[in-house]
Amino acid sequence: MHINNLITILKMVLPSNIKAVLFDMDGVIFDTEDLYTDFWKRELFCYLPDDPDIFDKVKGSTLNDILTRYFKEDEVREKVVAAIDHFETTMPFIYIRGYESYFKSIKEKGYKCAVVTSSNDKKMANVFKTYPTFKNQYDTIITADDITLSKPNPQCFLLAAERLGVKPEECAVFEDSIHGLNAARAAGMYVVGVATSNPYDVVKAMSDVIINDFEDTL
């Protein structure tokens, strides 16, 4: 085991002041980021071939934010929305390694828990169809339809704290995307970086502590 990973595991204990744990979904709860990478590379490169870094710029953003910034024509927007609706209806939702066990352990310890995702309610309906008990496992779920400002704006995380009745500094956020990590930091929360979809060193620099996946927490 690499010494950096060993240090990570030893440090993966939430601070004593933490009362709530907020989880991003894609790349944190579900192993879906590679699927989204392939999807958006096809769609974005089709319309924006001159920007090879476009996917890194939109990762962690809401669909509405992506459409507003990059797809101005109504006809194109309709095609992109139809494509992602089909994609999200058929995509698999497979848990990140160790997540289910870790989530069970923190629930048993009494932490309040929330999902804070850039996905919209339509996408969440597909998650609930796959996992009928998912919705009831969390104290609140924040989606793109609950907010007006996309990550890296901290609005989503601050709304989660408000709904849970805790202070921002009493929240720990598990995030994998650059936008999400920036949003968690801007919210004044404890940041646990999950190195599932961005380079380890990049995520580490933006986090209070970093894990490769939830096997590092067990």
N, C-alpha and C. Protein backbone atom coordinates (compact mmCIF):
# COMPACT_ATOMS: atom_id res chain seq x y z
N MET A 1 0.84 -1.21 0.00
CA MET A 1 0.00 0.00 0.00
C MET A 1 0.87 1.25 0.00
N HIS A 2 0.53 2.20 -0.84
CA HIS A 2 1.28 3.45 -0.90
C HIS A 2 1.14 4.20 0.41
N ILE A 3 2.23 4.82 0.88
CA ILE A 3 2.23 5.52 2.17
C ILE A 3 1.17 6.60 2.23
N ASN A 4 0.90 7.31 1.09
CA ASN A 4 -0.14 8.33 1.09
C ASN A 4 -1.51 7.73 1.38
N ASN A 5 -1.76 6.55 0.83
CA ASN A 5 -3.04 5.88 1.07
C ASN A 5 -3.16 5.45 2.53
N LEU A 6 -2.06 4.99 3.12
CA LEU A 6 -2.06 4.59 4.52
C LEU A 6 -2.40 5.78 5.41
N ILE A 7 -1.78 6.93 5.13
CA ILE A 7 -2.06 8.14 5.91
C ILE A 7 -3.51 8.53 5.77
N THR A 8 -4.05 8.41 4.56
CA THR A 8 -5.45 8.74 4.32
C THR A 8 -6.37 7.90 5.19
N ILE A 9 -6.12 6.59 5.23
CA ILE A 9 -6.97 5.69 5.99
C ILE A 9 -6.91 6.01 7.48
N LEU A 10 -5.71 6.29 7.98
CA LEU A 10 -5.57 6.59 9.39
C LEU A 10 -6.29 7.88 9.76
N LYS A 11 -6.38 8.82 8.83
CA LYS A 11 -7.00 10.11 9.10
C LYS A 11 -8.51 10.11 8.86
N MET A 12 -9.05 9.03 8.27
CA MET A 12 -10.44 9.07 7.86
C MET A 12 -11.40 8.87 9.03
N VAL A 13 -11.33 9.80 9.96
CA VAL A 13 -12.25 9.89 11.08
C VAL A 13 -12.81 11.30 11.06
N LEU A 14 -14.12 11.43 11.02
CA LEU A 14 -14.72 12.75 10.94
C LEU A 14 -14.46 13.54 12.23
N PRO A 15 -14.23 14.84 12.12
CA PRO A 15 -14.02 15.67 13.31
C PRO A 15 -15.19 15.56 14.29
N SER A 16 -14.91 15.80 15.56
CA SER A 16 -15.91 15.59 16.61
C SER A 16 -17.09 16.55 16.53
N ASN A 17 -16.91 17.69 15.85
CA ASN A 17 -18.01 18.66 15.76
C ASN A 17 -19.01 18.34 14.65
N ILE A 18 -18.71 17.37 13.79
CA ILE A 18 -19.57 17.06 12.65
C ILE A 18 -20.86 16.38 13.10
N LYS A 19 -21.99 16.91 12.61
CA LYS A 19 -23.30 16.35 12.93
C LYS A 19 -24.03 15.80 11.70
N ALA A 20 -23.59 16.22 10.51
CA ALA A 20 -24.28 15.81 9.29
C ALA A 20 -23.27 15.49 8.20
N VAL A 21 -23.62 14.51 7.37
CA VAL A 21 -22.76 14.09 6.27
C VAL A 21 -23.53 14.26 4.96
N LEU A 22 -22.94 15.01 4.03
CA LEU A 22 -23.58 15.32 2.76
C LEU A 22 -22.82 14.61 1.64
N PHE A 23 -23.53 13.84 0.85
CA PHE A 23 -22.90 13.07 -0.22
C PHE A 23 -23.32 13.60 -1.59
N ASP A 24 -22.33 13.94 -2.41
CA ASP A 24 -22.62 14.07 -3.82
C ASP A 24 -23.02 12.67 -4.31
N MET A 25 -23.62 12.56 -5.49
CA MET A 25 -24.10 11.25 -5.92
C MET A 25 -23.22 10.59 -6.97
N ASP A 26 -23.12 11.18 -8.17
CA ASP A 26 -22.34 10.56 -9.23
C ASP A 26 -20.85 10.66 -8.93
N GLY A 27 -20.19 9.52 -8.86
CA GLY A 27 -18.78 9.49 -8.53
C GLY A 27 -18.51 9.38 -7.05
N VAL A 28 -19.55 9.50 -6.22
CA VAL A 28 -19.41 9.36 -4.78
C VAL A 28 -20.26 8.20 -4.27
N ILE A 29 -21.56 8.25 -4.54
CA ILE A 29 -22.43 7.14 -4.17
C ILE A 29 -22.43 6.08 -5.27
N PHE A 30 -22.61 6.53 -6.51
CA PHE A 30 -22.68 5.60 -7.64
C PHE A 30 -21.48 5.77 -8.57
N ASP A 31 -21.02 4.65 -9.11
CA ASP A 31 -19.88 4.63 -10.01
C ASP A 31 -20.34 4.93 -11.43
N THR A 32 -20.69 6.19 -11.66
CA THR A 32 -21.29 6.58 -12.94
C THR A 32 -20.47 7.61 -13.72
N GLU A 33 -19.39 8.11 -13.14
CA GLU A 33 -18.67 9.21 -13.78
C GLU A 33 -18.07 8.81 -15.13
N ASP A 34 -17.55 7.59 -15.23
CA ASP A 34 -17.00 7.17 -16.52
C ASP A 34 -18.08 7.11 -17.59
N LEU A 35 -19.29 6.72 -17.17
CA LEU A 35 -20.40 6.68 -18.12
C LEU A 35 -20.75 8.09 -18.59
N TYR A 36 -20.78 9.04 -17.65
CA TYR A 36 -21.06 10.42 -18.03
C TYR A 36 -19.94 11.01 -18.88
N THR A 37 -18.71 10.63 -18.58
CA THR A 37 -17.59 11.11 -19.38
C THR A 37 -17.78 10.71 -20.84
N ASP A 38 -18.10 9.45 -21.06
CA ASP A 38 -18.30 8.97 -22.43
C ASP A 38 -19.49 9.67 -23.09
N PHE A 39 -20.57 9.83 -22.33
CA PHE A 39 -21.76 10.47 -22.89
C PHE A 39 -21.49 11.91 -23.29
N TRP A 40 -20.96 12.70 -22.35
CA TRP A 40 -20.77 14.12 -22.63
C TRP A 40 -19.68 14.37 -23.64
N LYS A 41 -18.69 13.49 -23.70
CA LYS A 41 -17.67 13.65 -24.73
C LYS A 41 -18.29 13.49 -26.12
N ARG A 42 -19.22 12.54 -26.24
CA ARG A 42 -19.90 12.36 -27.53
C ARG A 42 -20.75 13.58 -27.85
N GLU A 43 -21.55 14.02 -26.88
CA GLU A 43 -22.48 15.11 -27.14
C GLU A 43 -21.78 16.46 -27.28
N LEU A 44 -20.87 16.75 -26.36
CA LEU A 44 -20.22 18.05 -26.35
C LEU A 44 -19.23 18.20 -27.50
N PHE A 45 -18.47 17.15 -27.76
CA PHE A 45 -17.51 17.24 -28.85
C PHE A 45 -18.21 17.33 -30.20
N CYS A 46 -19.42 16.81 -30.28
CA CYS A 46 -20.19 16.89 -31.51
C CYS A 46 -20.50 18.35 -31.86
N TYR A 47 -20.82 19.14 -30.83
CA TYR A 47 -21.20 20.53 -31.04
C TYR A 47 -20.09 21.52 -30.73
N LEU A 48 -19.10 21.08 -29.92
CA LEU A 48 -18.02 21.98 -29.51
C LEU A 48 -16.67 21.32 -29.74
N PRO A 49 -16.36 21.00 -30.97
CA PRO A 49 -15.13 20.24 -31.26
C PRO A 49 -13.84 21.01 -31.01
N ASP A 50 -13.92 22.31 -30.87
CA ASP A 50 -12.71 23.13 -30.70
C ASP A 50 -12.30 23.32 -29.25
N ASP A 51 -13.03 22.66 -28.33
CA ASP A 51 -12.72 22.80 -26.90
C ASP A 51 -12.48 21.41 -26.30
N PRO A 52 -11.26 20.87 -26.40
CA PRO A 52 -10.98 19.51 -25.93
C PRO A 52 -11.12 19.33 -24.42
N ASP A 53 -11.12 20.40 -23.66
CA ASP A 53 -11.24 20.32 -22.20
C ASP A 53 -12.67 20.56 -21.71
N ILE A 54 -13.63 20.52 -22.62
CA ILE A 54 -14.99 20.91 -22.27
C ILE A 54 -15.58 20.03 -21.18
N PHE A 55 -15.31 18.73 -21.19
CA PHE A 55 -15.94 17.89 -20.18
C PHE A 55 -15.47 18.25 -18.78
N ASP A 56 -14.18 18.54 -18.62
CA ASP A 56 -13.68 18.94 -17.30
C ASP A 56 -14.36 20.21 -16.80
N LYS A 57 -14.79 21.06 -17.74
CA LYS A 57 -15.44 22.31 -17.36
C LYS A 57 -16.87 22.11 -16.89
N VAL A 58 -17.53 21.07 -17.37
CA VAL A 58 -18.94 20.88 -17.03
C VAL A 58 -19.16 19.82 -15.94
N LYS A 59 -18.14 19.04 -15.61
CA LYS A 59 -18.29 17.98 -14.63
C LYS A 59 -18.76 18.54 -13.30
N GLY A 60 -19.85 18.02 -12.78
CA GLY A 60 -20.41 18.51 -11.52
C GLY A 60 -21.45 19.59 -11.68
N SER A 61 -21.69 20.03 -12.92
CA SER A 61 -22.68 21.08 -13.19
C SER A 61 -24.07 20.48 -13.40
N THR A 62 -25.10 21.29 -13.20
CA THR A 62 -26.45 20.85 -13.50
C THR A 62 -26.66 20.85 -15.01
N LEU A 63 -27.63 20.07 -15.46
CA LEU A 63 -27.96 20.03 -16.88
C LEU A 63 -28.38 21.42 -17.36
N ASN A 64 -29.18 22.12 -16.57
CA ASN A 64 -29.64 23.45 -16.97
C ASN A 64 -28.46 24.40 -17.15
N ASP A 65 -27.47 24.30 -16.28
CA ASP A 65 -26.29 25.15 -16.37
C ASP A 65 -25.51 24.83 -17.66
N ILE A 66 -25.37 23.55 -17.97
CA ILE A 66 -24.67 23.14 -19.19
C ILE A 66 -25.41 23.65 -20.42
N LEU A 67 -26.73 23.47 -20.43
CA LEU A 67 -27.51 23.93 -21.57
C LEU A 67 -27.43 25.44 -21.75
N THR A 68 -27.49 26.17 -20.65
CA THR A 68 -27.45 27.63 -20.71
C THR A 68 -26.11 28.14 -21.23
N ARG A 69 -25.04 27.49 -20.80
CA ARG A 69 -23.71 27.97 -21.17
C ARG A 69 -23.27 27.55 -22.58
N TYR A 70 -23.68 26.35 -23.00
CA TYR A 70 -23.08 25.80 -24.20
C TYR A 70 -24.04 25.49 -25.36
N PHE A 71 -25.34 25.47 -25.10
CA PHE A 71 -26.28 25.12 -26.16
C PHE A 71 -27.33 26.22 -26.28
N LYS A 72 -27.13 27.13 -27.20
CA LYS A 72 -27.98 28.31 -27.32
C LYS A 72 -29.20 28.07 -28.21
N GLU A 73 -29.08 27.17 -29.18
CA GLU A 73 -30.17 26.96 -30.13
C GLU A 73 -31.19 25.97 -29.57
N ASP A 74 -32.48 26.32 -29.65
CA ASP A 74 -33.53 25.47 -29.09
C ASP A 74 -33.52 24.07 -29.68
N GLU A 75 -33.30 23.96 -30.97
CA GLU A 75 -33.31 22.65 -31.62
C GLU A 75 -32.19 21.75 -31.09
N VAL A 76 -31.03 22.33 -30.89
CA VAL A 76 -29.90 21.57 -30.36
C VAL A 76 -30.16 21.18 -28.90
N ARG A 77 -30.68 22.12 -28.13
CA ARG A 77 -30.98 21.83 -26.72
C ARG A 77 -31.96 20.67 -26.61
N GLU A 78 -32.97 20.65 -27.46
CA GLU A 78 -33.96 19.57 -27.42
C GLU A 78 -33.32 18.22 -27.72
N LYS A 79 -32.38 18.21 -28.67
CA LYS A 79 -31.70 16.96 -29.01
C LYS A 79 -30.84 16.48 -27.85
N VAL A 80 -30.15 17.41 -27.19
CA VAL A 80 -29.28 17.05 -26.07
C VAL A 80 -30.11 16.54 -24.89
N VAL A 81 -31.21 17.21 -24.59
CA VAL A 81 -32.08 16.78 -23.50
C VAL A 81 -32.65 15.40 -23.77
N ALA A 82 -33.08 15.14 -25.00
CA ALA A 82 -33.61 13.83 -25.36
C ALA A 82 -32.54 12.75 -25.21
N ALA A 83 -31.31 13.08 -25.61
CA ALA A 83 -30.22 12.13 -25.52
C ALA A 83 -29.89 11.77 -24.07
N ILE A 84 -29.83 12.78 -23.21
CA ILE A 84 -29.48 12.48 -21.81
C ILE A 84 -30.64 11.81 -21.08
N ASP A 85 -31.87 12.14 -21.44
CA ASP A 85 -33.01 11.45 -20.83
C ASP A 85 -32.95 9.97 -21.15
N HIS A 86 -32.66 9.63 -22.39
CA HIS A 86 -32.55 8.22 -22.77
C HIS A 86 -31.38 7.56 -22.06
N PHE A 87 -30.25 8.27 -22.01
CA PHE A 87 -29.04 7.75 -21.36
C PHE A 87 -29.31 7.44 -19.88
N GLU A 88 -29.94 8.38 -19.17
CA GLU A 88 -30.15 8.20 -17.73
C GLU A 88 -31.25 7.19 -17.42
N THR A 89 -32.11 6.94 -18.38
CA THR A 89 -33.15 5.93 -18.19
C THR A 89 -32.57 4.52 -18.28
N THR A 90 -31.52 4.36 -19.05
CA THR A 90 -30.97 3.03 -19.30
C THR A 90 -29.65 2.76 -18.56
N MET A 91 -29.05 3.77 -17.94
CA MET A 91 -27.74 3.59 -17.30
C MET A 91 -27.86 2.77 -16.02
N PRO A 92 -26.81 2.01 -15.69
CA PRO A 92 -26.81 1.26 -14.42
C PRO A 92 -26.38 2.15 -13.26
N PHE A 93 -26.88 1.87 -12.07
CA PHE A 93 -26.47 2.59 -10.87
C PHE A 93 -25.79 1.58 -9.93
N ILE A 94 -24.47 1.57 -9.98
CA ILE A 94 -23.69 0.63 -9.19
C ILE A 94 -22.96 1.40 -8.10
N TYR A 95 -23.09 0.94 -6.85
CA TYR A 95 -22.48 1.66 -5.73
C TYR A 95 -20.95 1.67 -5.82
N ILE A 96 -20.37 2.80 -5.43
CA ILE A 96 -18.93 2.90 -5.26
C ILE A 96 -18.49 1.90 -4.19
N ARG A 97 -17.31 1.32 -4.38
CA ARG A 97 -16.83 0.30 -3.44
C ARG A 97 -16.87 0.80 -1.99
N GLY A 98 -17.52 0.00 -1.14
CA GLY A 98 -17.54 0.28 0.29
C GLY A 98 -18.60 1.27 0.74
N TYR A 99 -19.31 1.90 -0.21
CA TYR A 99 -20.25 2.95 0.19
C TYR A 99 -21.37 2.43 1.08
N GLU A 100 -21.97 1.33 0.71
CA GLU A 100 -23.12 0.83 1.47
C GLU A 100 -22.75 0.54 2.92
N SER A 101 -21.58 -0.04 3.14
CA SER A 101 -21.14 -0.36 4.50
C SER A 101 -20.82 0.92 5.27
N TYR A 102 -20.17 1.87 4.60
CA TYR A 102 -19.84 3.12 5.28
C TYR A 102 -21.10 3.90 5.65
N PHE A 103 -22.03 3.96 4.71
CA PHE A 103 -23.28 4.69 4.97
C PHE A 103 -24.02 4.06 6.16
N LYS A 104 -24.09 2.75 6.21
CA LYS A 104 -24.74 2.07 7.32
C LYS A 104 -24.06 2.42 8.64
N SER A 105 -22.73 2.49 8.62
CA SER A 105 -21.99 2.76 9.86
C SER A 105 -22.25 4.17 10.39
N ILE A 106 -22.31 5.16 9.49
CA ILE A 106 -22.53 6.52 9.99
C ILE A 106 -23.98 6.74 10.41
N LYS A 107 -24.90 6.05 9.76
CA LYS A 107 -26.29 6.13 10.20
C LYS A 107 -26.42 5.56 11.61
N GLU A 108 -25.74 4.47 11.87
CA GLU A 108 -25.77 3.85 13.20
C GLU A 108 -25.16 4.75 14.26
N LYS A 109 -24.24 5.62 13.84
CA LYS A 109 -23.60 6.55 14.78
C LYS A 109 -24.44 7.81 15.00
N GLY A 110 -25.54 7.94 14.27
CA GLY A 110 -26.46 9.04 14.51
C GLY A 110 -26.26 10.28 13.68
N TYR A 111 -25.40 10.23 12.67
CA TYR A 111 -25.23 11.39 11.81
C TYR A 111 -26.48 11.61 10.95
N LYS A 112 -26.83 12.87 10.73
CA LYS A 112 -27.85 13.18 9.74
C LYS A 112 -27.19 13.05 8.36
N CYS A 113 -27.95 12.60 7.38
CA CYS A 113 -27.37 12.32 6.07
C CYS A 113 -28.20 12.93 4.95
N ALA A 114 -27.50 13.44 3.93
CA ALA A 114 -28.18 14.05 2.79
C ALA A 114 -27.45 13.68 1.51
N VAL A 115 -28.22 13.63 0.43
CA VAL A 115 -27.66 13.56 -0.91
C VAL A 115 -27.75 14.97 -1.50
N VAL A 116 -26.65 15.45 -2.04
CA VAL A 116 -26.63 16.77 -2.66
C VAL A 116 -26.07 16.60 -4.07
N THR A 117 -26.95 16.55 -5.05
CA THR A 117 -26.56 16.19 -6.40
C THR A 117 -26.93 17.24 -7.43
N SER A 118 -26.16 17.29 -8.50
CA SER A 118 -26.48 18.17 -9.62
C SER A 118 -27.49 17.52 -10.57
N SER A 119 -27.88 16.29 -10.29
CA SER A 119 -28.89 15.60 -11.10
C SER A 119 -30.26 16.19 -10.81
N ASN A 120 -31.16 16.09 -11.79
CA ASN A 120 -32.50 16.63 -11.61
C ASN A 120 -33.47 15.55 -11.10
N ASP A 121 -34.71 15.96 -10.85
CA ASP A 121 -35.70 15.04 -10.29
C ASP A 121 -36.02 13.89 -11.25
N LYS A 122 -35.96 14.16 -12.55
CA LYS A 122 -36.23 13.11 -13.54
C LYS A 122 -35.19 12.00 -13.42
N LYS A 123 -33.93 12.38 -13.28
CA LYS A 123 -32.86 11.40 -13.10
C LYS A 123 -33.05 10.65 -11.78
N MET A 124 -33.44 11.36 -10.72
CA MET A 124 -33.61 10.72 -9.42
C MET A 124 -34.73 9.69 -9.45
N ALA A 125 -35.74 9.92 -10.28
CA ALA A 125 -36.83 8.94 -10.40
C ALA A 125 -36.29 7.61 -10.89
N ASN A 126 -35.27 7.65 -11.75
CA ASN A 126 -34.65 6.42 -12.23
C ASN A 126 -33.86 5.73 -11.12
N VAL A 127 -33.21 6.54 -10.27
CA VAL A 127 -32.51 5.98 -9.12
C VAL A 127 -33.49 5.29 -8.18
N PHE A 128 -34.61 5.96 -7.89
CA PHE A 128 -35.60 5.40 -6.97
C PHE A 128 -36.24 4.14 -7.54
N LYS A 129 -36.35 4.09 -8.87
CA LYS A 129 -36.90 2.89 -9.51
C LYS A 129 -35.95 1.71 -9.33
N THR A 130 -34.65 2.00 -9.42
CA THR A 130 -33.64 0.95 -9.25
C THR A 130 -33.52 0.53 -7.79
N TYR A 131 -33.57 1.51 -6.89
CA TYR A 131 -33.44 1.26 -5.45
C TYR A 131 -34.64 1.89 -4.73
N PRO A 132 -35.75 1.16 -4.59
CA PRO A 132 -36.98 1.72 -4.03
C PRO A 132 -36.85 2.30 -2.62
N THR A 133 -35.87 1.82 -1.83
CA THR A 133 -35.72 2.32 -0.46
C THR A 133 -34.73 3.48 -0.37
N PHE A 134 -34.09 3.85 -1.48
CA PHE A 134 -33.03 4.86 -1.46
C PHE A 134 -33.50 6.17 -0.84
N LYS A 135 -34.63 6.66 -1.29
CA LYS A 135 -35.11 7.97 -0.86
C LYS A 135 -35.32 8.06 0.63
N ASN A 136 -35.82 6.99 1.23
CA ASN A 136 -36.14 7.01 2.66
C ASN A 136 -34.92 6.81 3.55
N GLN A 137 -33.77 6.53 2.96
CA GLN A 137 -32.56 6.32 3.76
C GLN A 137 -31.91 7.64 4.18
N TYR A 138 -32.27 8.72 3.51
CA TYR A 138 -31.62 10.01 3.76
C TYR A 138 -32.59 11.00 4.40
N ASP A 139 -32.04 11.90 5.19
CA ASP A 139 -32.88 12.90 5.86
C ASP A 139 -33.37 13.95 4.88
N THR A 140 -32.61 14.20 3.83
CA THR A 140 -33.07 15.09 2.76
C THR A 140 -32.25 14.80 1.51
N ILE A 141 -32.82 15.12 0.36
CA ILE A 141 -32.13 14.98 -0.93
C ILE A 141 -32.28 16.31 -1.68
N ILE A 142 -31.15 16.92 -2.00
CA ILE A 142 -31.13 18.17 -2.75
C ILE A 142 -30.79 17.84 -4.20
N THR A 143 -31.62 18.28 -5.13
CA THR A 143 -31.36 18.06 -6.56
C THR A 143 -31.23 19.39 -7.28
N ALA A 144 -30.95 19.30 -8.58
CA ALA A 144 -30.83 20.51 -9.39
C ALA A 144 -32.12 21.31 -9.42
N ASP A 145 -33.25 20.63 -9.20
CA ASP A 145 -34.54 21.31 -9.23
C ASP A 145 -34.83 22.09 -7.95
N ASP A 146 -33.97 21.94 -6.94
CA ASP A 146 -34.15 22.65 -5.67
C ASP A 146 -33.35 23.95 -5.62
N ILE A 147 -32.48 24.17 -6.59
CA ILE A 147 -31.57 25.30 -6.51
C ILE A 147 -31.64 26.15 -7.78
N THR A 148 -31.07 27.34 -7.69
CA THR A 148 -31.00 28.24 -8.85
C THR A 148 -29.57 28.46 -9.32
N LEU A 149 -28.60 28.08 -8.49
CA LEU A 149 -27.19 28.27 -8.81
C LEU A 149 -26.45 26.94 -8.74
N SER A 150 -25.76 26.58 -9.82
CA SER A 150 -25.05 25.30 -9.91
C SER A 150 -23.73 25.35 -9.15
N LYS A 151 -23.23 24.18 -8.72
CA LYS A 151 -21.87 24.10 -8.22
C LYS A 151 -20.95 24.67 -9.31
N PRO A 152 -19.95 25.47 -8.96
CA PRO A 152 -19.28 25.60 -7.66
C PRO A 152 -19.91 26.58 -6.68
N ASN A 153 -21.06 27.14 -7.00
CA ASN A 153 -21.75 27.95 -6.00
C ASN A 153 -22.18 27.03 -4.85
N PRO A 154 -22.05 27.46 -3.60
CA PRO A 154 -22.34 26.60 -2.45
C PRO A 154 -23.82 26.48 -2.10
N GLN A 155 -24.71 27.06 -2.90
CA GLN A 155 -26.13 27.11 -2.56
C GLN A 155 -26.70 25.74 -2.18
N CYS A 156 -26.34 24.71 -2.95
CA CYS A 156 -26.91 23.38 -2.70
C CYS A 156 -26.52 22.83 -1.34
N PHE A 157 -25.26 23.01 -0.96
CA PHE A 157 -24.80 22.50 0.33
C PHE A 157 -25.37 23.31 1.49
N LEU A 158 -25.47 24.59 1.32
CA LEU A 158 -26.05 25.44 2.36
C LEU A 158 -27.54 25.12 2.56
N LEU A 159 -28.23 24.82 1.47
CA LEU A 159 -29.64 24.43 1.57
C LEU A 159 -29.77 23.11 2.32
N ALA A 160 -28.88 22.18 2.06
CA ALA A 160 -28.90 20.90 2.77
C ALA A 160 -28.71 21.10 4.26
N ALA A 161 -27.75 21.94 4.64
CA ALA A 161 -27.51 22.22 6.06
C ALA A 161 -28.74 22.84 6.70
N GLU A 162 -29.37 23.77 5.97
CA GLU A 162 -30.58 24.41 6.49
C GLU A 162 -31.69 23.40 6.71
N ARG A 163 -31.90 22.53 5.75
CA ARG A 163 -32.95 21.50 5.90
C ARG A 163 -32.66 20.54 7.05
N LEU A 164 -31.38 20.27 7.27
CA LEU A 164 -31.01 19.33 8.33
C LEU A 164 -30.96 20.00 9.70
N GLY A 165 -31.02 21.33 9.73
CA GLY A 165 -31.00 22.04 11.00
C GLY A 165 -29.63 22.08 11.66
N VAL A 166 -28.57 22.14 10.82
CA VAL A 166 -27.21 22.19 11.36
C VAL A 166 -26.47 23.37 10.74
N LYS A 167 -25.37 23.75 11.36
CA LYS A 167 -24.53 24.82 10.85
C LYS A 167 -23.63 24.28 9.74
N PRO A 168 -23.24 25.11 8.78
CA PRO A 168 -22.33 24.64 7.72
C PRO A 168 -21.07 23.98 8.26
N GLU A 169 -20.50 24.57 9.31
CA GLU A 169 -19.26 24.01 9.86
C GLU A 169 -19.48 22.69 10.58
N GLU A 170 -20.73 22.29 10.76
CA GLU A 170 -21.03 20.99 11.37
C GLU A 170 -21.29 19.91 10.31
N CYS A 171 -21.00 20.24 9.05
CA CYS A 171 -21.24 19.31 7.94
C CYS A 171 -19.93 18.82 7.34
N ALA A 172 -19.92 17.55 6.98
CA ALA A 172 -18.83 16.97 6.19
C ALA A 172 -19.40 16.64 4.81
N VAL A 173 -18.67 17.02 3.78
CA VAL A 173 -19.12 16.79 2.40
C VAL A 173 -18.18 15.79 1.72
N PHE A 174 -18.77 14.77 1.11
CA PHE A 174 -18.01 13.84 0.28
C PHE A 174 -18.23 14.23 -1.17
N GLU A 175 -17.16 14.62 -1.85
CA GLU A 175 -17.25 15.13 -3.22
C GLU A 175 -16.10 14.61 -4.08
N ASP A 176 -16.37 14.47 -5.39
CA ASP A 176 -15.34 14.02 -6.33
C ASP A 176 -15.02 15.04 -7.41
N SER A 177 -15.97 15.90 -7.78
CA SER A 177 -15.76 16.83 -8.89
C SER A 177 -15.10 18.12 -8.42
N ILE A 178 -14.42 18.78 -9.32
CA ILE A 178 -13.76 20.05 -8.98
C ILE A 178 -14.80 21.10 -8.59
N HIS A 179 -15.88 21.19 -9.37
CA HIS A 179 -16.94 22.14 -9.02
C HIS A 179 -17.52 21.83 -7.64
N GLY A 180 -17.73 20.55 -7.36
CA GLY A 180 -18.31 20.16 -6.08
C GLY A 180 -17.38 20.43 -4.91
N LEU A 181 -16.10 20.16 -5.10
CA LEU A 181 -15.12 20.42 -4.04
C LEU A 181 -15.04 21.91 -3.75
N ASN A 182 -15.06 22.72 -4.79
CA ASN A 182 -15.04 24.18 -4.61
C ASN A 182 -16.30 24.66 -3.90
N ALA A 183 -17.44 24.06 -4.24
CA ALA A 183 -18.70 24.45 -3.60
C ALA A 183 -18.70 24.11 -2.12
N ALA A 184 -18.20 22.93 -1.79
CA ALA A 184 -18.14 22.50 -0.38
C ALA A 184 -17.22 23.41 0.42
N ARG A 185 -16.09 23.75 -0.17
CA ARG A 185 -15.15 24.65 0.50
C ARG A 185 -15.77 26.03 0.69
N ALA A 186 -16.46 26.52 -0.34
CA ALA A 186 -17.10 27.84 -0.24
C ALA A 186 -18.20 27.86 0.80
N ALA A 187 -18.80 26.70 1.05
CA ALA A 187 -19.87 26.60 2.06
C ALA A 187 -19.31 26.58 3.47
N GLY A 188 -17.99 26.45 3.61
CA GLY A 188 -17.37 26.43 4.93
C GLY A 188 -17.51 25.09 5.62
N MET A 189 -17.57 24.01 4.83
CA MET A 189 -17.77 22.66 5.37
C MET A 189 -16.48 21.85 5.33
N TYR A 190 -16.44 20.80 6.11
CA TYR A 190 -15.32 19.87 6.11
C TYR A 190 -15.39 19.05 4.83
N VAL A 191 -14.29 18.99 4.07
CA VAL A 191 -14.33 18.40 2.73
C VAL A 191 -13.56 17.09 2.69
N VAL A 192 -14.28 16.03 2.34
CA VAL A 192 -13.67 14.72 2.11
C VAL A 192 -13.64 14.50 0.60
N GLY A 193 -12.47 14.55 0.01
CA GLY A 193 -12.34 14.33 -1.42
C GLY A 193 -12.37 12.85 -1.75
N VAL A 194 -13.09 12.50 -2.80
CA VAL A 194 -13.18 11.11 -3.25
C VAL A 194 -12.53 11.05 -4.63
N ALA A 195 -11.41 10.34 -4.72
CA ALA A 195 -10.60 10.36 -5.94
C ALA A 195 -11.06 9.30 -6.94
N THR A 196 -12.32 9.41 -7.34
CA THR A 196 -12.88 8.45 -8.29
C THR A 196 -12.93 8.97 -9.71
N SER A 197 -12.92 10.28 -9.89
CA SER A 197 -13.09 10.82 -11.24
C SER A 197 -12.11 11.94 -11.59
N ASN A 198 -11.23 12.29 -10.65
CA ASN A 198 -10.18 13.28 -10.92
C ASN A 198 -8.87 12.77 -10.32
N PRO A 199 -7.74 13.25 -10.81
CA PRO A 199 -6.46 12.78 -10.29
C PRO A 199 -6.33 12.96 -8.78
N TYR A 200 -5.72 12.00 -8.12
CA TYR A 200 -5.58 11.98 -6.67
C TYR A 200 -4.99 13.28 -6.14
N ASP A 201 -3.89 13.74 -6.74
CA ASP A 201 -3.21 14.93 -6.23
C ASP A 201 -4.06 16.19 -6.40
N VAL A 202 -4.86 16.24 -7.46
CA VAL A 202 -5.75 17.39 -7.67
C VAL A 202 -6.82 17.42 -6.59
N VAL A 203 -7.44 16.29 -6.33
CA VAL A 203 -8.49 16.21 -5.30
C VAL A 203 -7.91 16.47 -3.92
N LYS A 204 -6.75 15.91 -3.65
CA LYS A 204 -6.11 16.07 -2.34
C LYS A 204 -5.87 17.54 -2.01
N ALA A 205 -5.44 18.31 -3.00
CA ALA A 205 -5.14 19.72 -2.79
C ALA A 205 -6.37 20.54 -2.42
N MET A 206 -7.56 20.01 -2.73
CA MET A 206 -8.79 20.74 -2.50
C MET A 206 -9.59 20.20 -1.32
N SER A 207 -9.01 19.25 -0.58
CA SER A 207 -9.76 18.53 0.45
C SER A 207 -9.07 18.59 1.80
N ASP A 208 -9.86 18.40 2.86
CA ASP A 208 -9.29 18.27 4.19
C ASP A 208 -8.70 16.89 4.38
N VAL A 209 -9.32 15.90 3.74
CA VAL A 209 -8.82 14.53 3.75
C VAL A 209 -9.31 13.89 2.46
N ILE A 210 -8.62 12.86 1.98
CA ILE A 210 -8.97 12.25 0.71
C ILE A 210 -9.05 10.74 0.84
N ILE A 211 -9.99 10.13 0.10
CA ILE A 211 -10.09 8.68 0.02
C ILE A 211 -10.14 8.28 -1.45
N ASN A 212 -9.69 7.06 -1.74
CA ASN A 212 -9.80 6.54 -3.10
C ASN A 212 -11.23 6.08 -3.36
N ASP A 213 -11.81 5.42 -2.38
CA ASP A 213 -13.23 5.03 -2.36
C ASP A 213 -13.54 4.69 -0.91
N PHE A 214 -14.70 4.15 -0.63
CA PHE A 214 -15.11 3.96 0.77
C PHE A 214 -14.48 2.74 1.43
N GLU A 215 -13.75 1.95 0.66
CA GLU A 215 -12.96 0.90 1.28
C GLU A 215 -11.90 1.51 2.19
N ASP A 216 -11.49 2.74 1.89
CA ASP A 216 -10.50 3.43 2.70
C ASP A 216 -11.04 3.84 4.07
N THR A 217 -12.35 3.76 4.26
CA THR A 217 -12.94 4.23 5.52
C THR A 217 -13.26 3.08 6.46
N LEU A 218 -13.14 1.85 5.99
CA LEU A 218 -13.62 0.70 6.77
C LEU A 218 -12.48 0.03 7.53
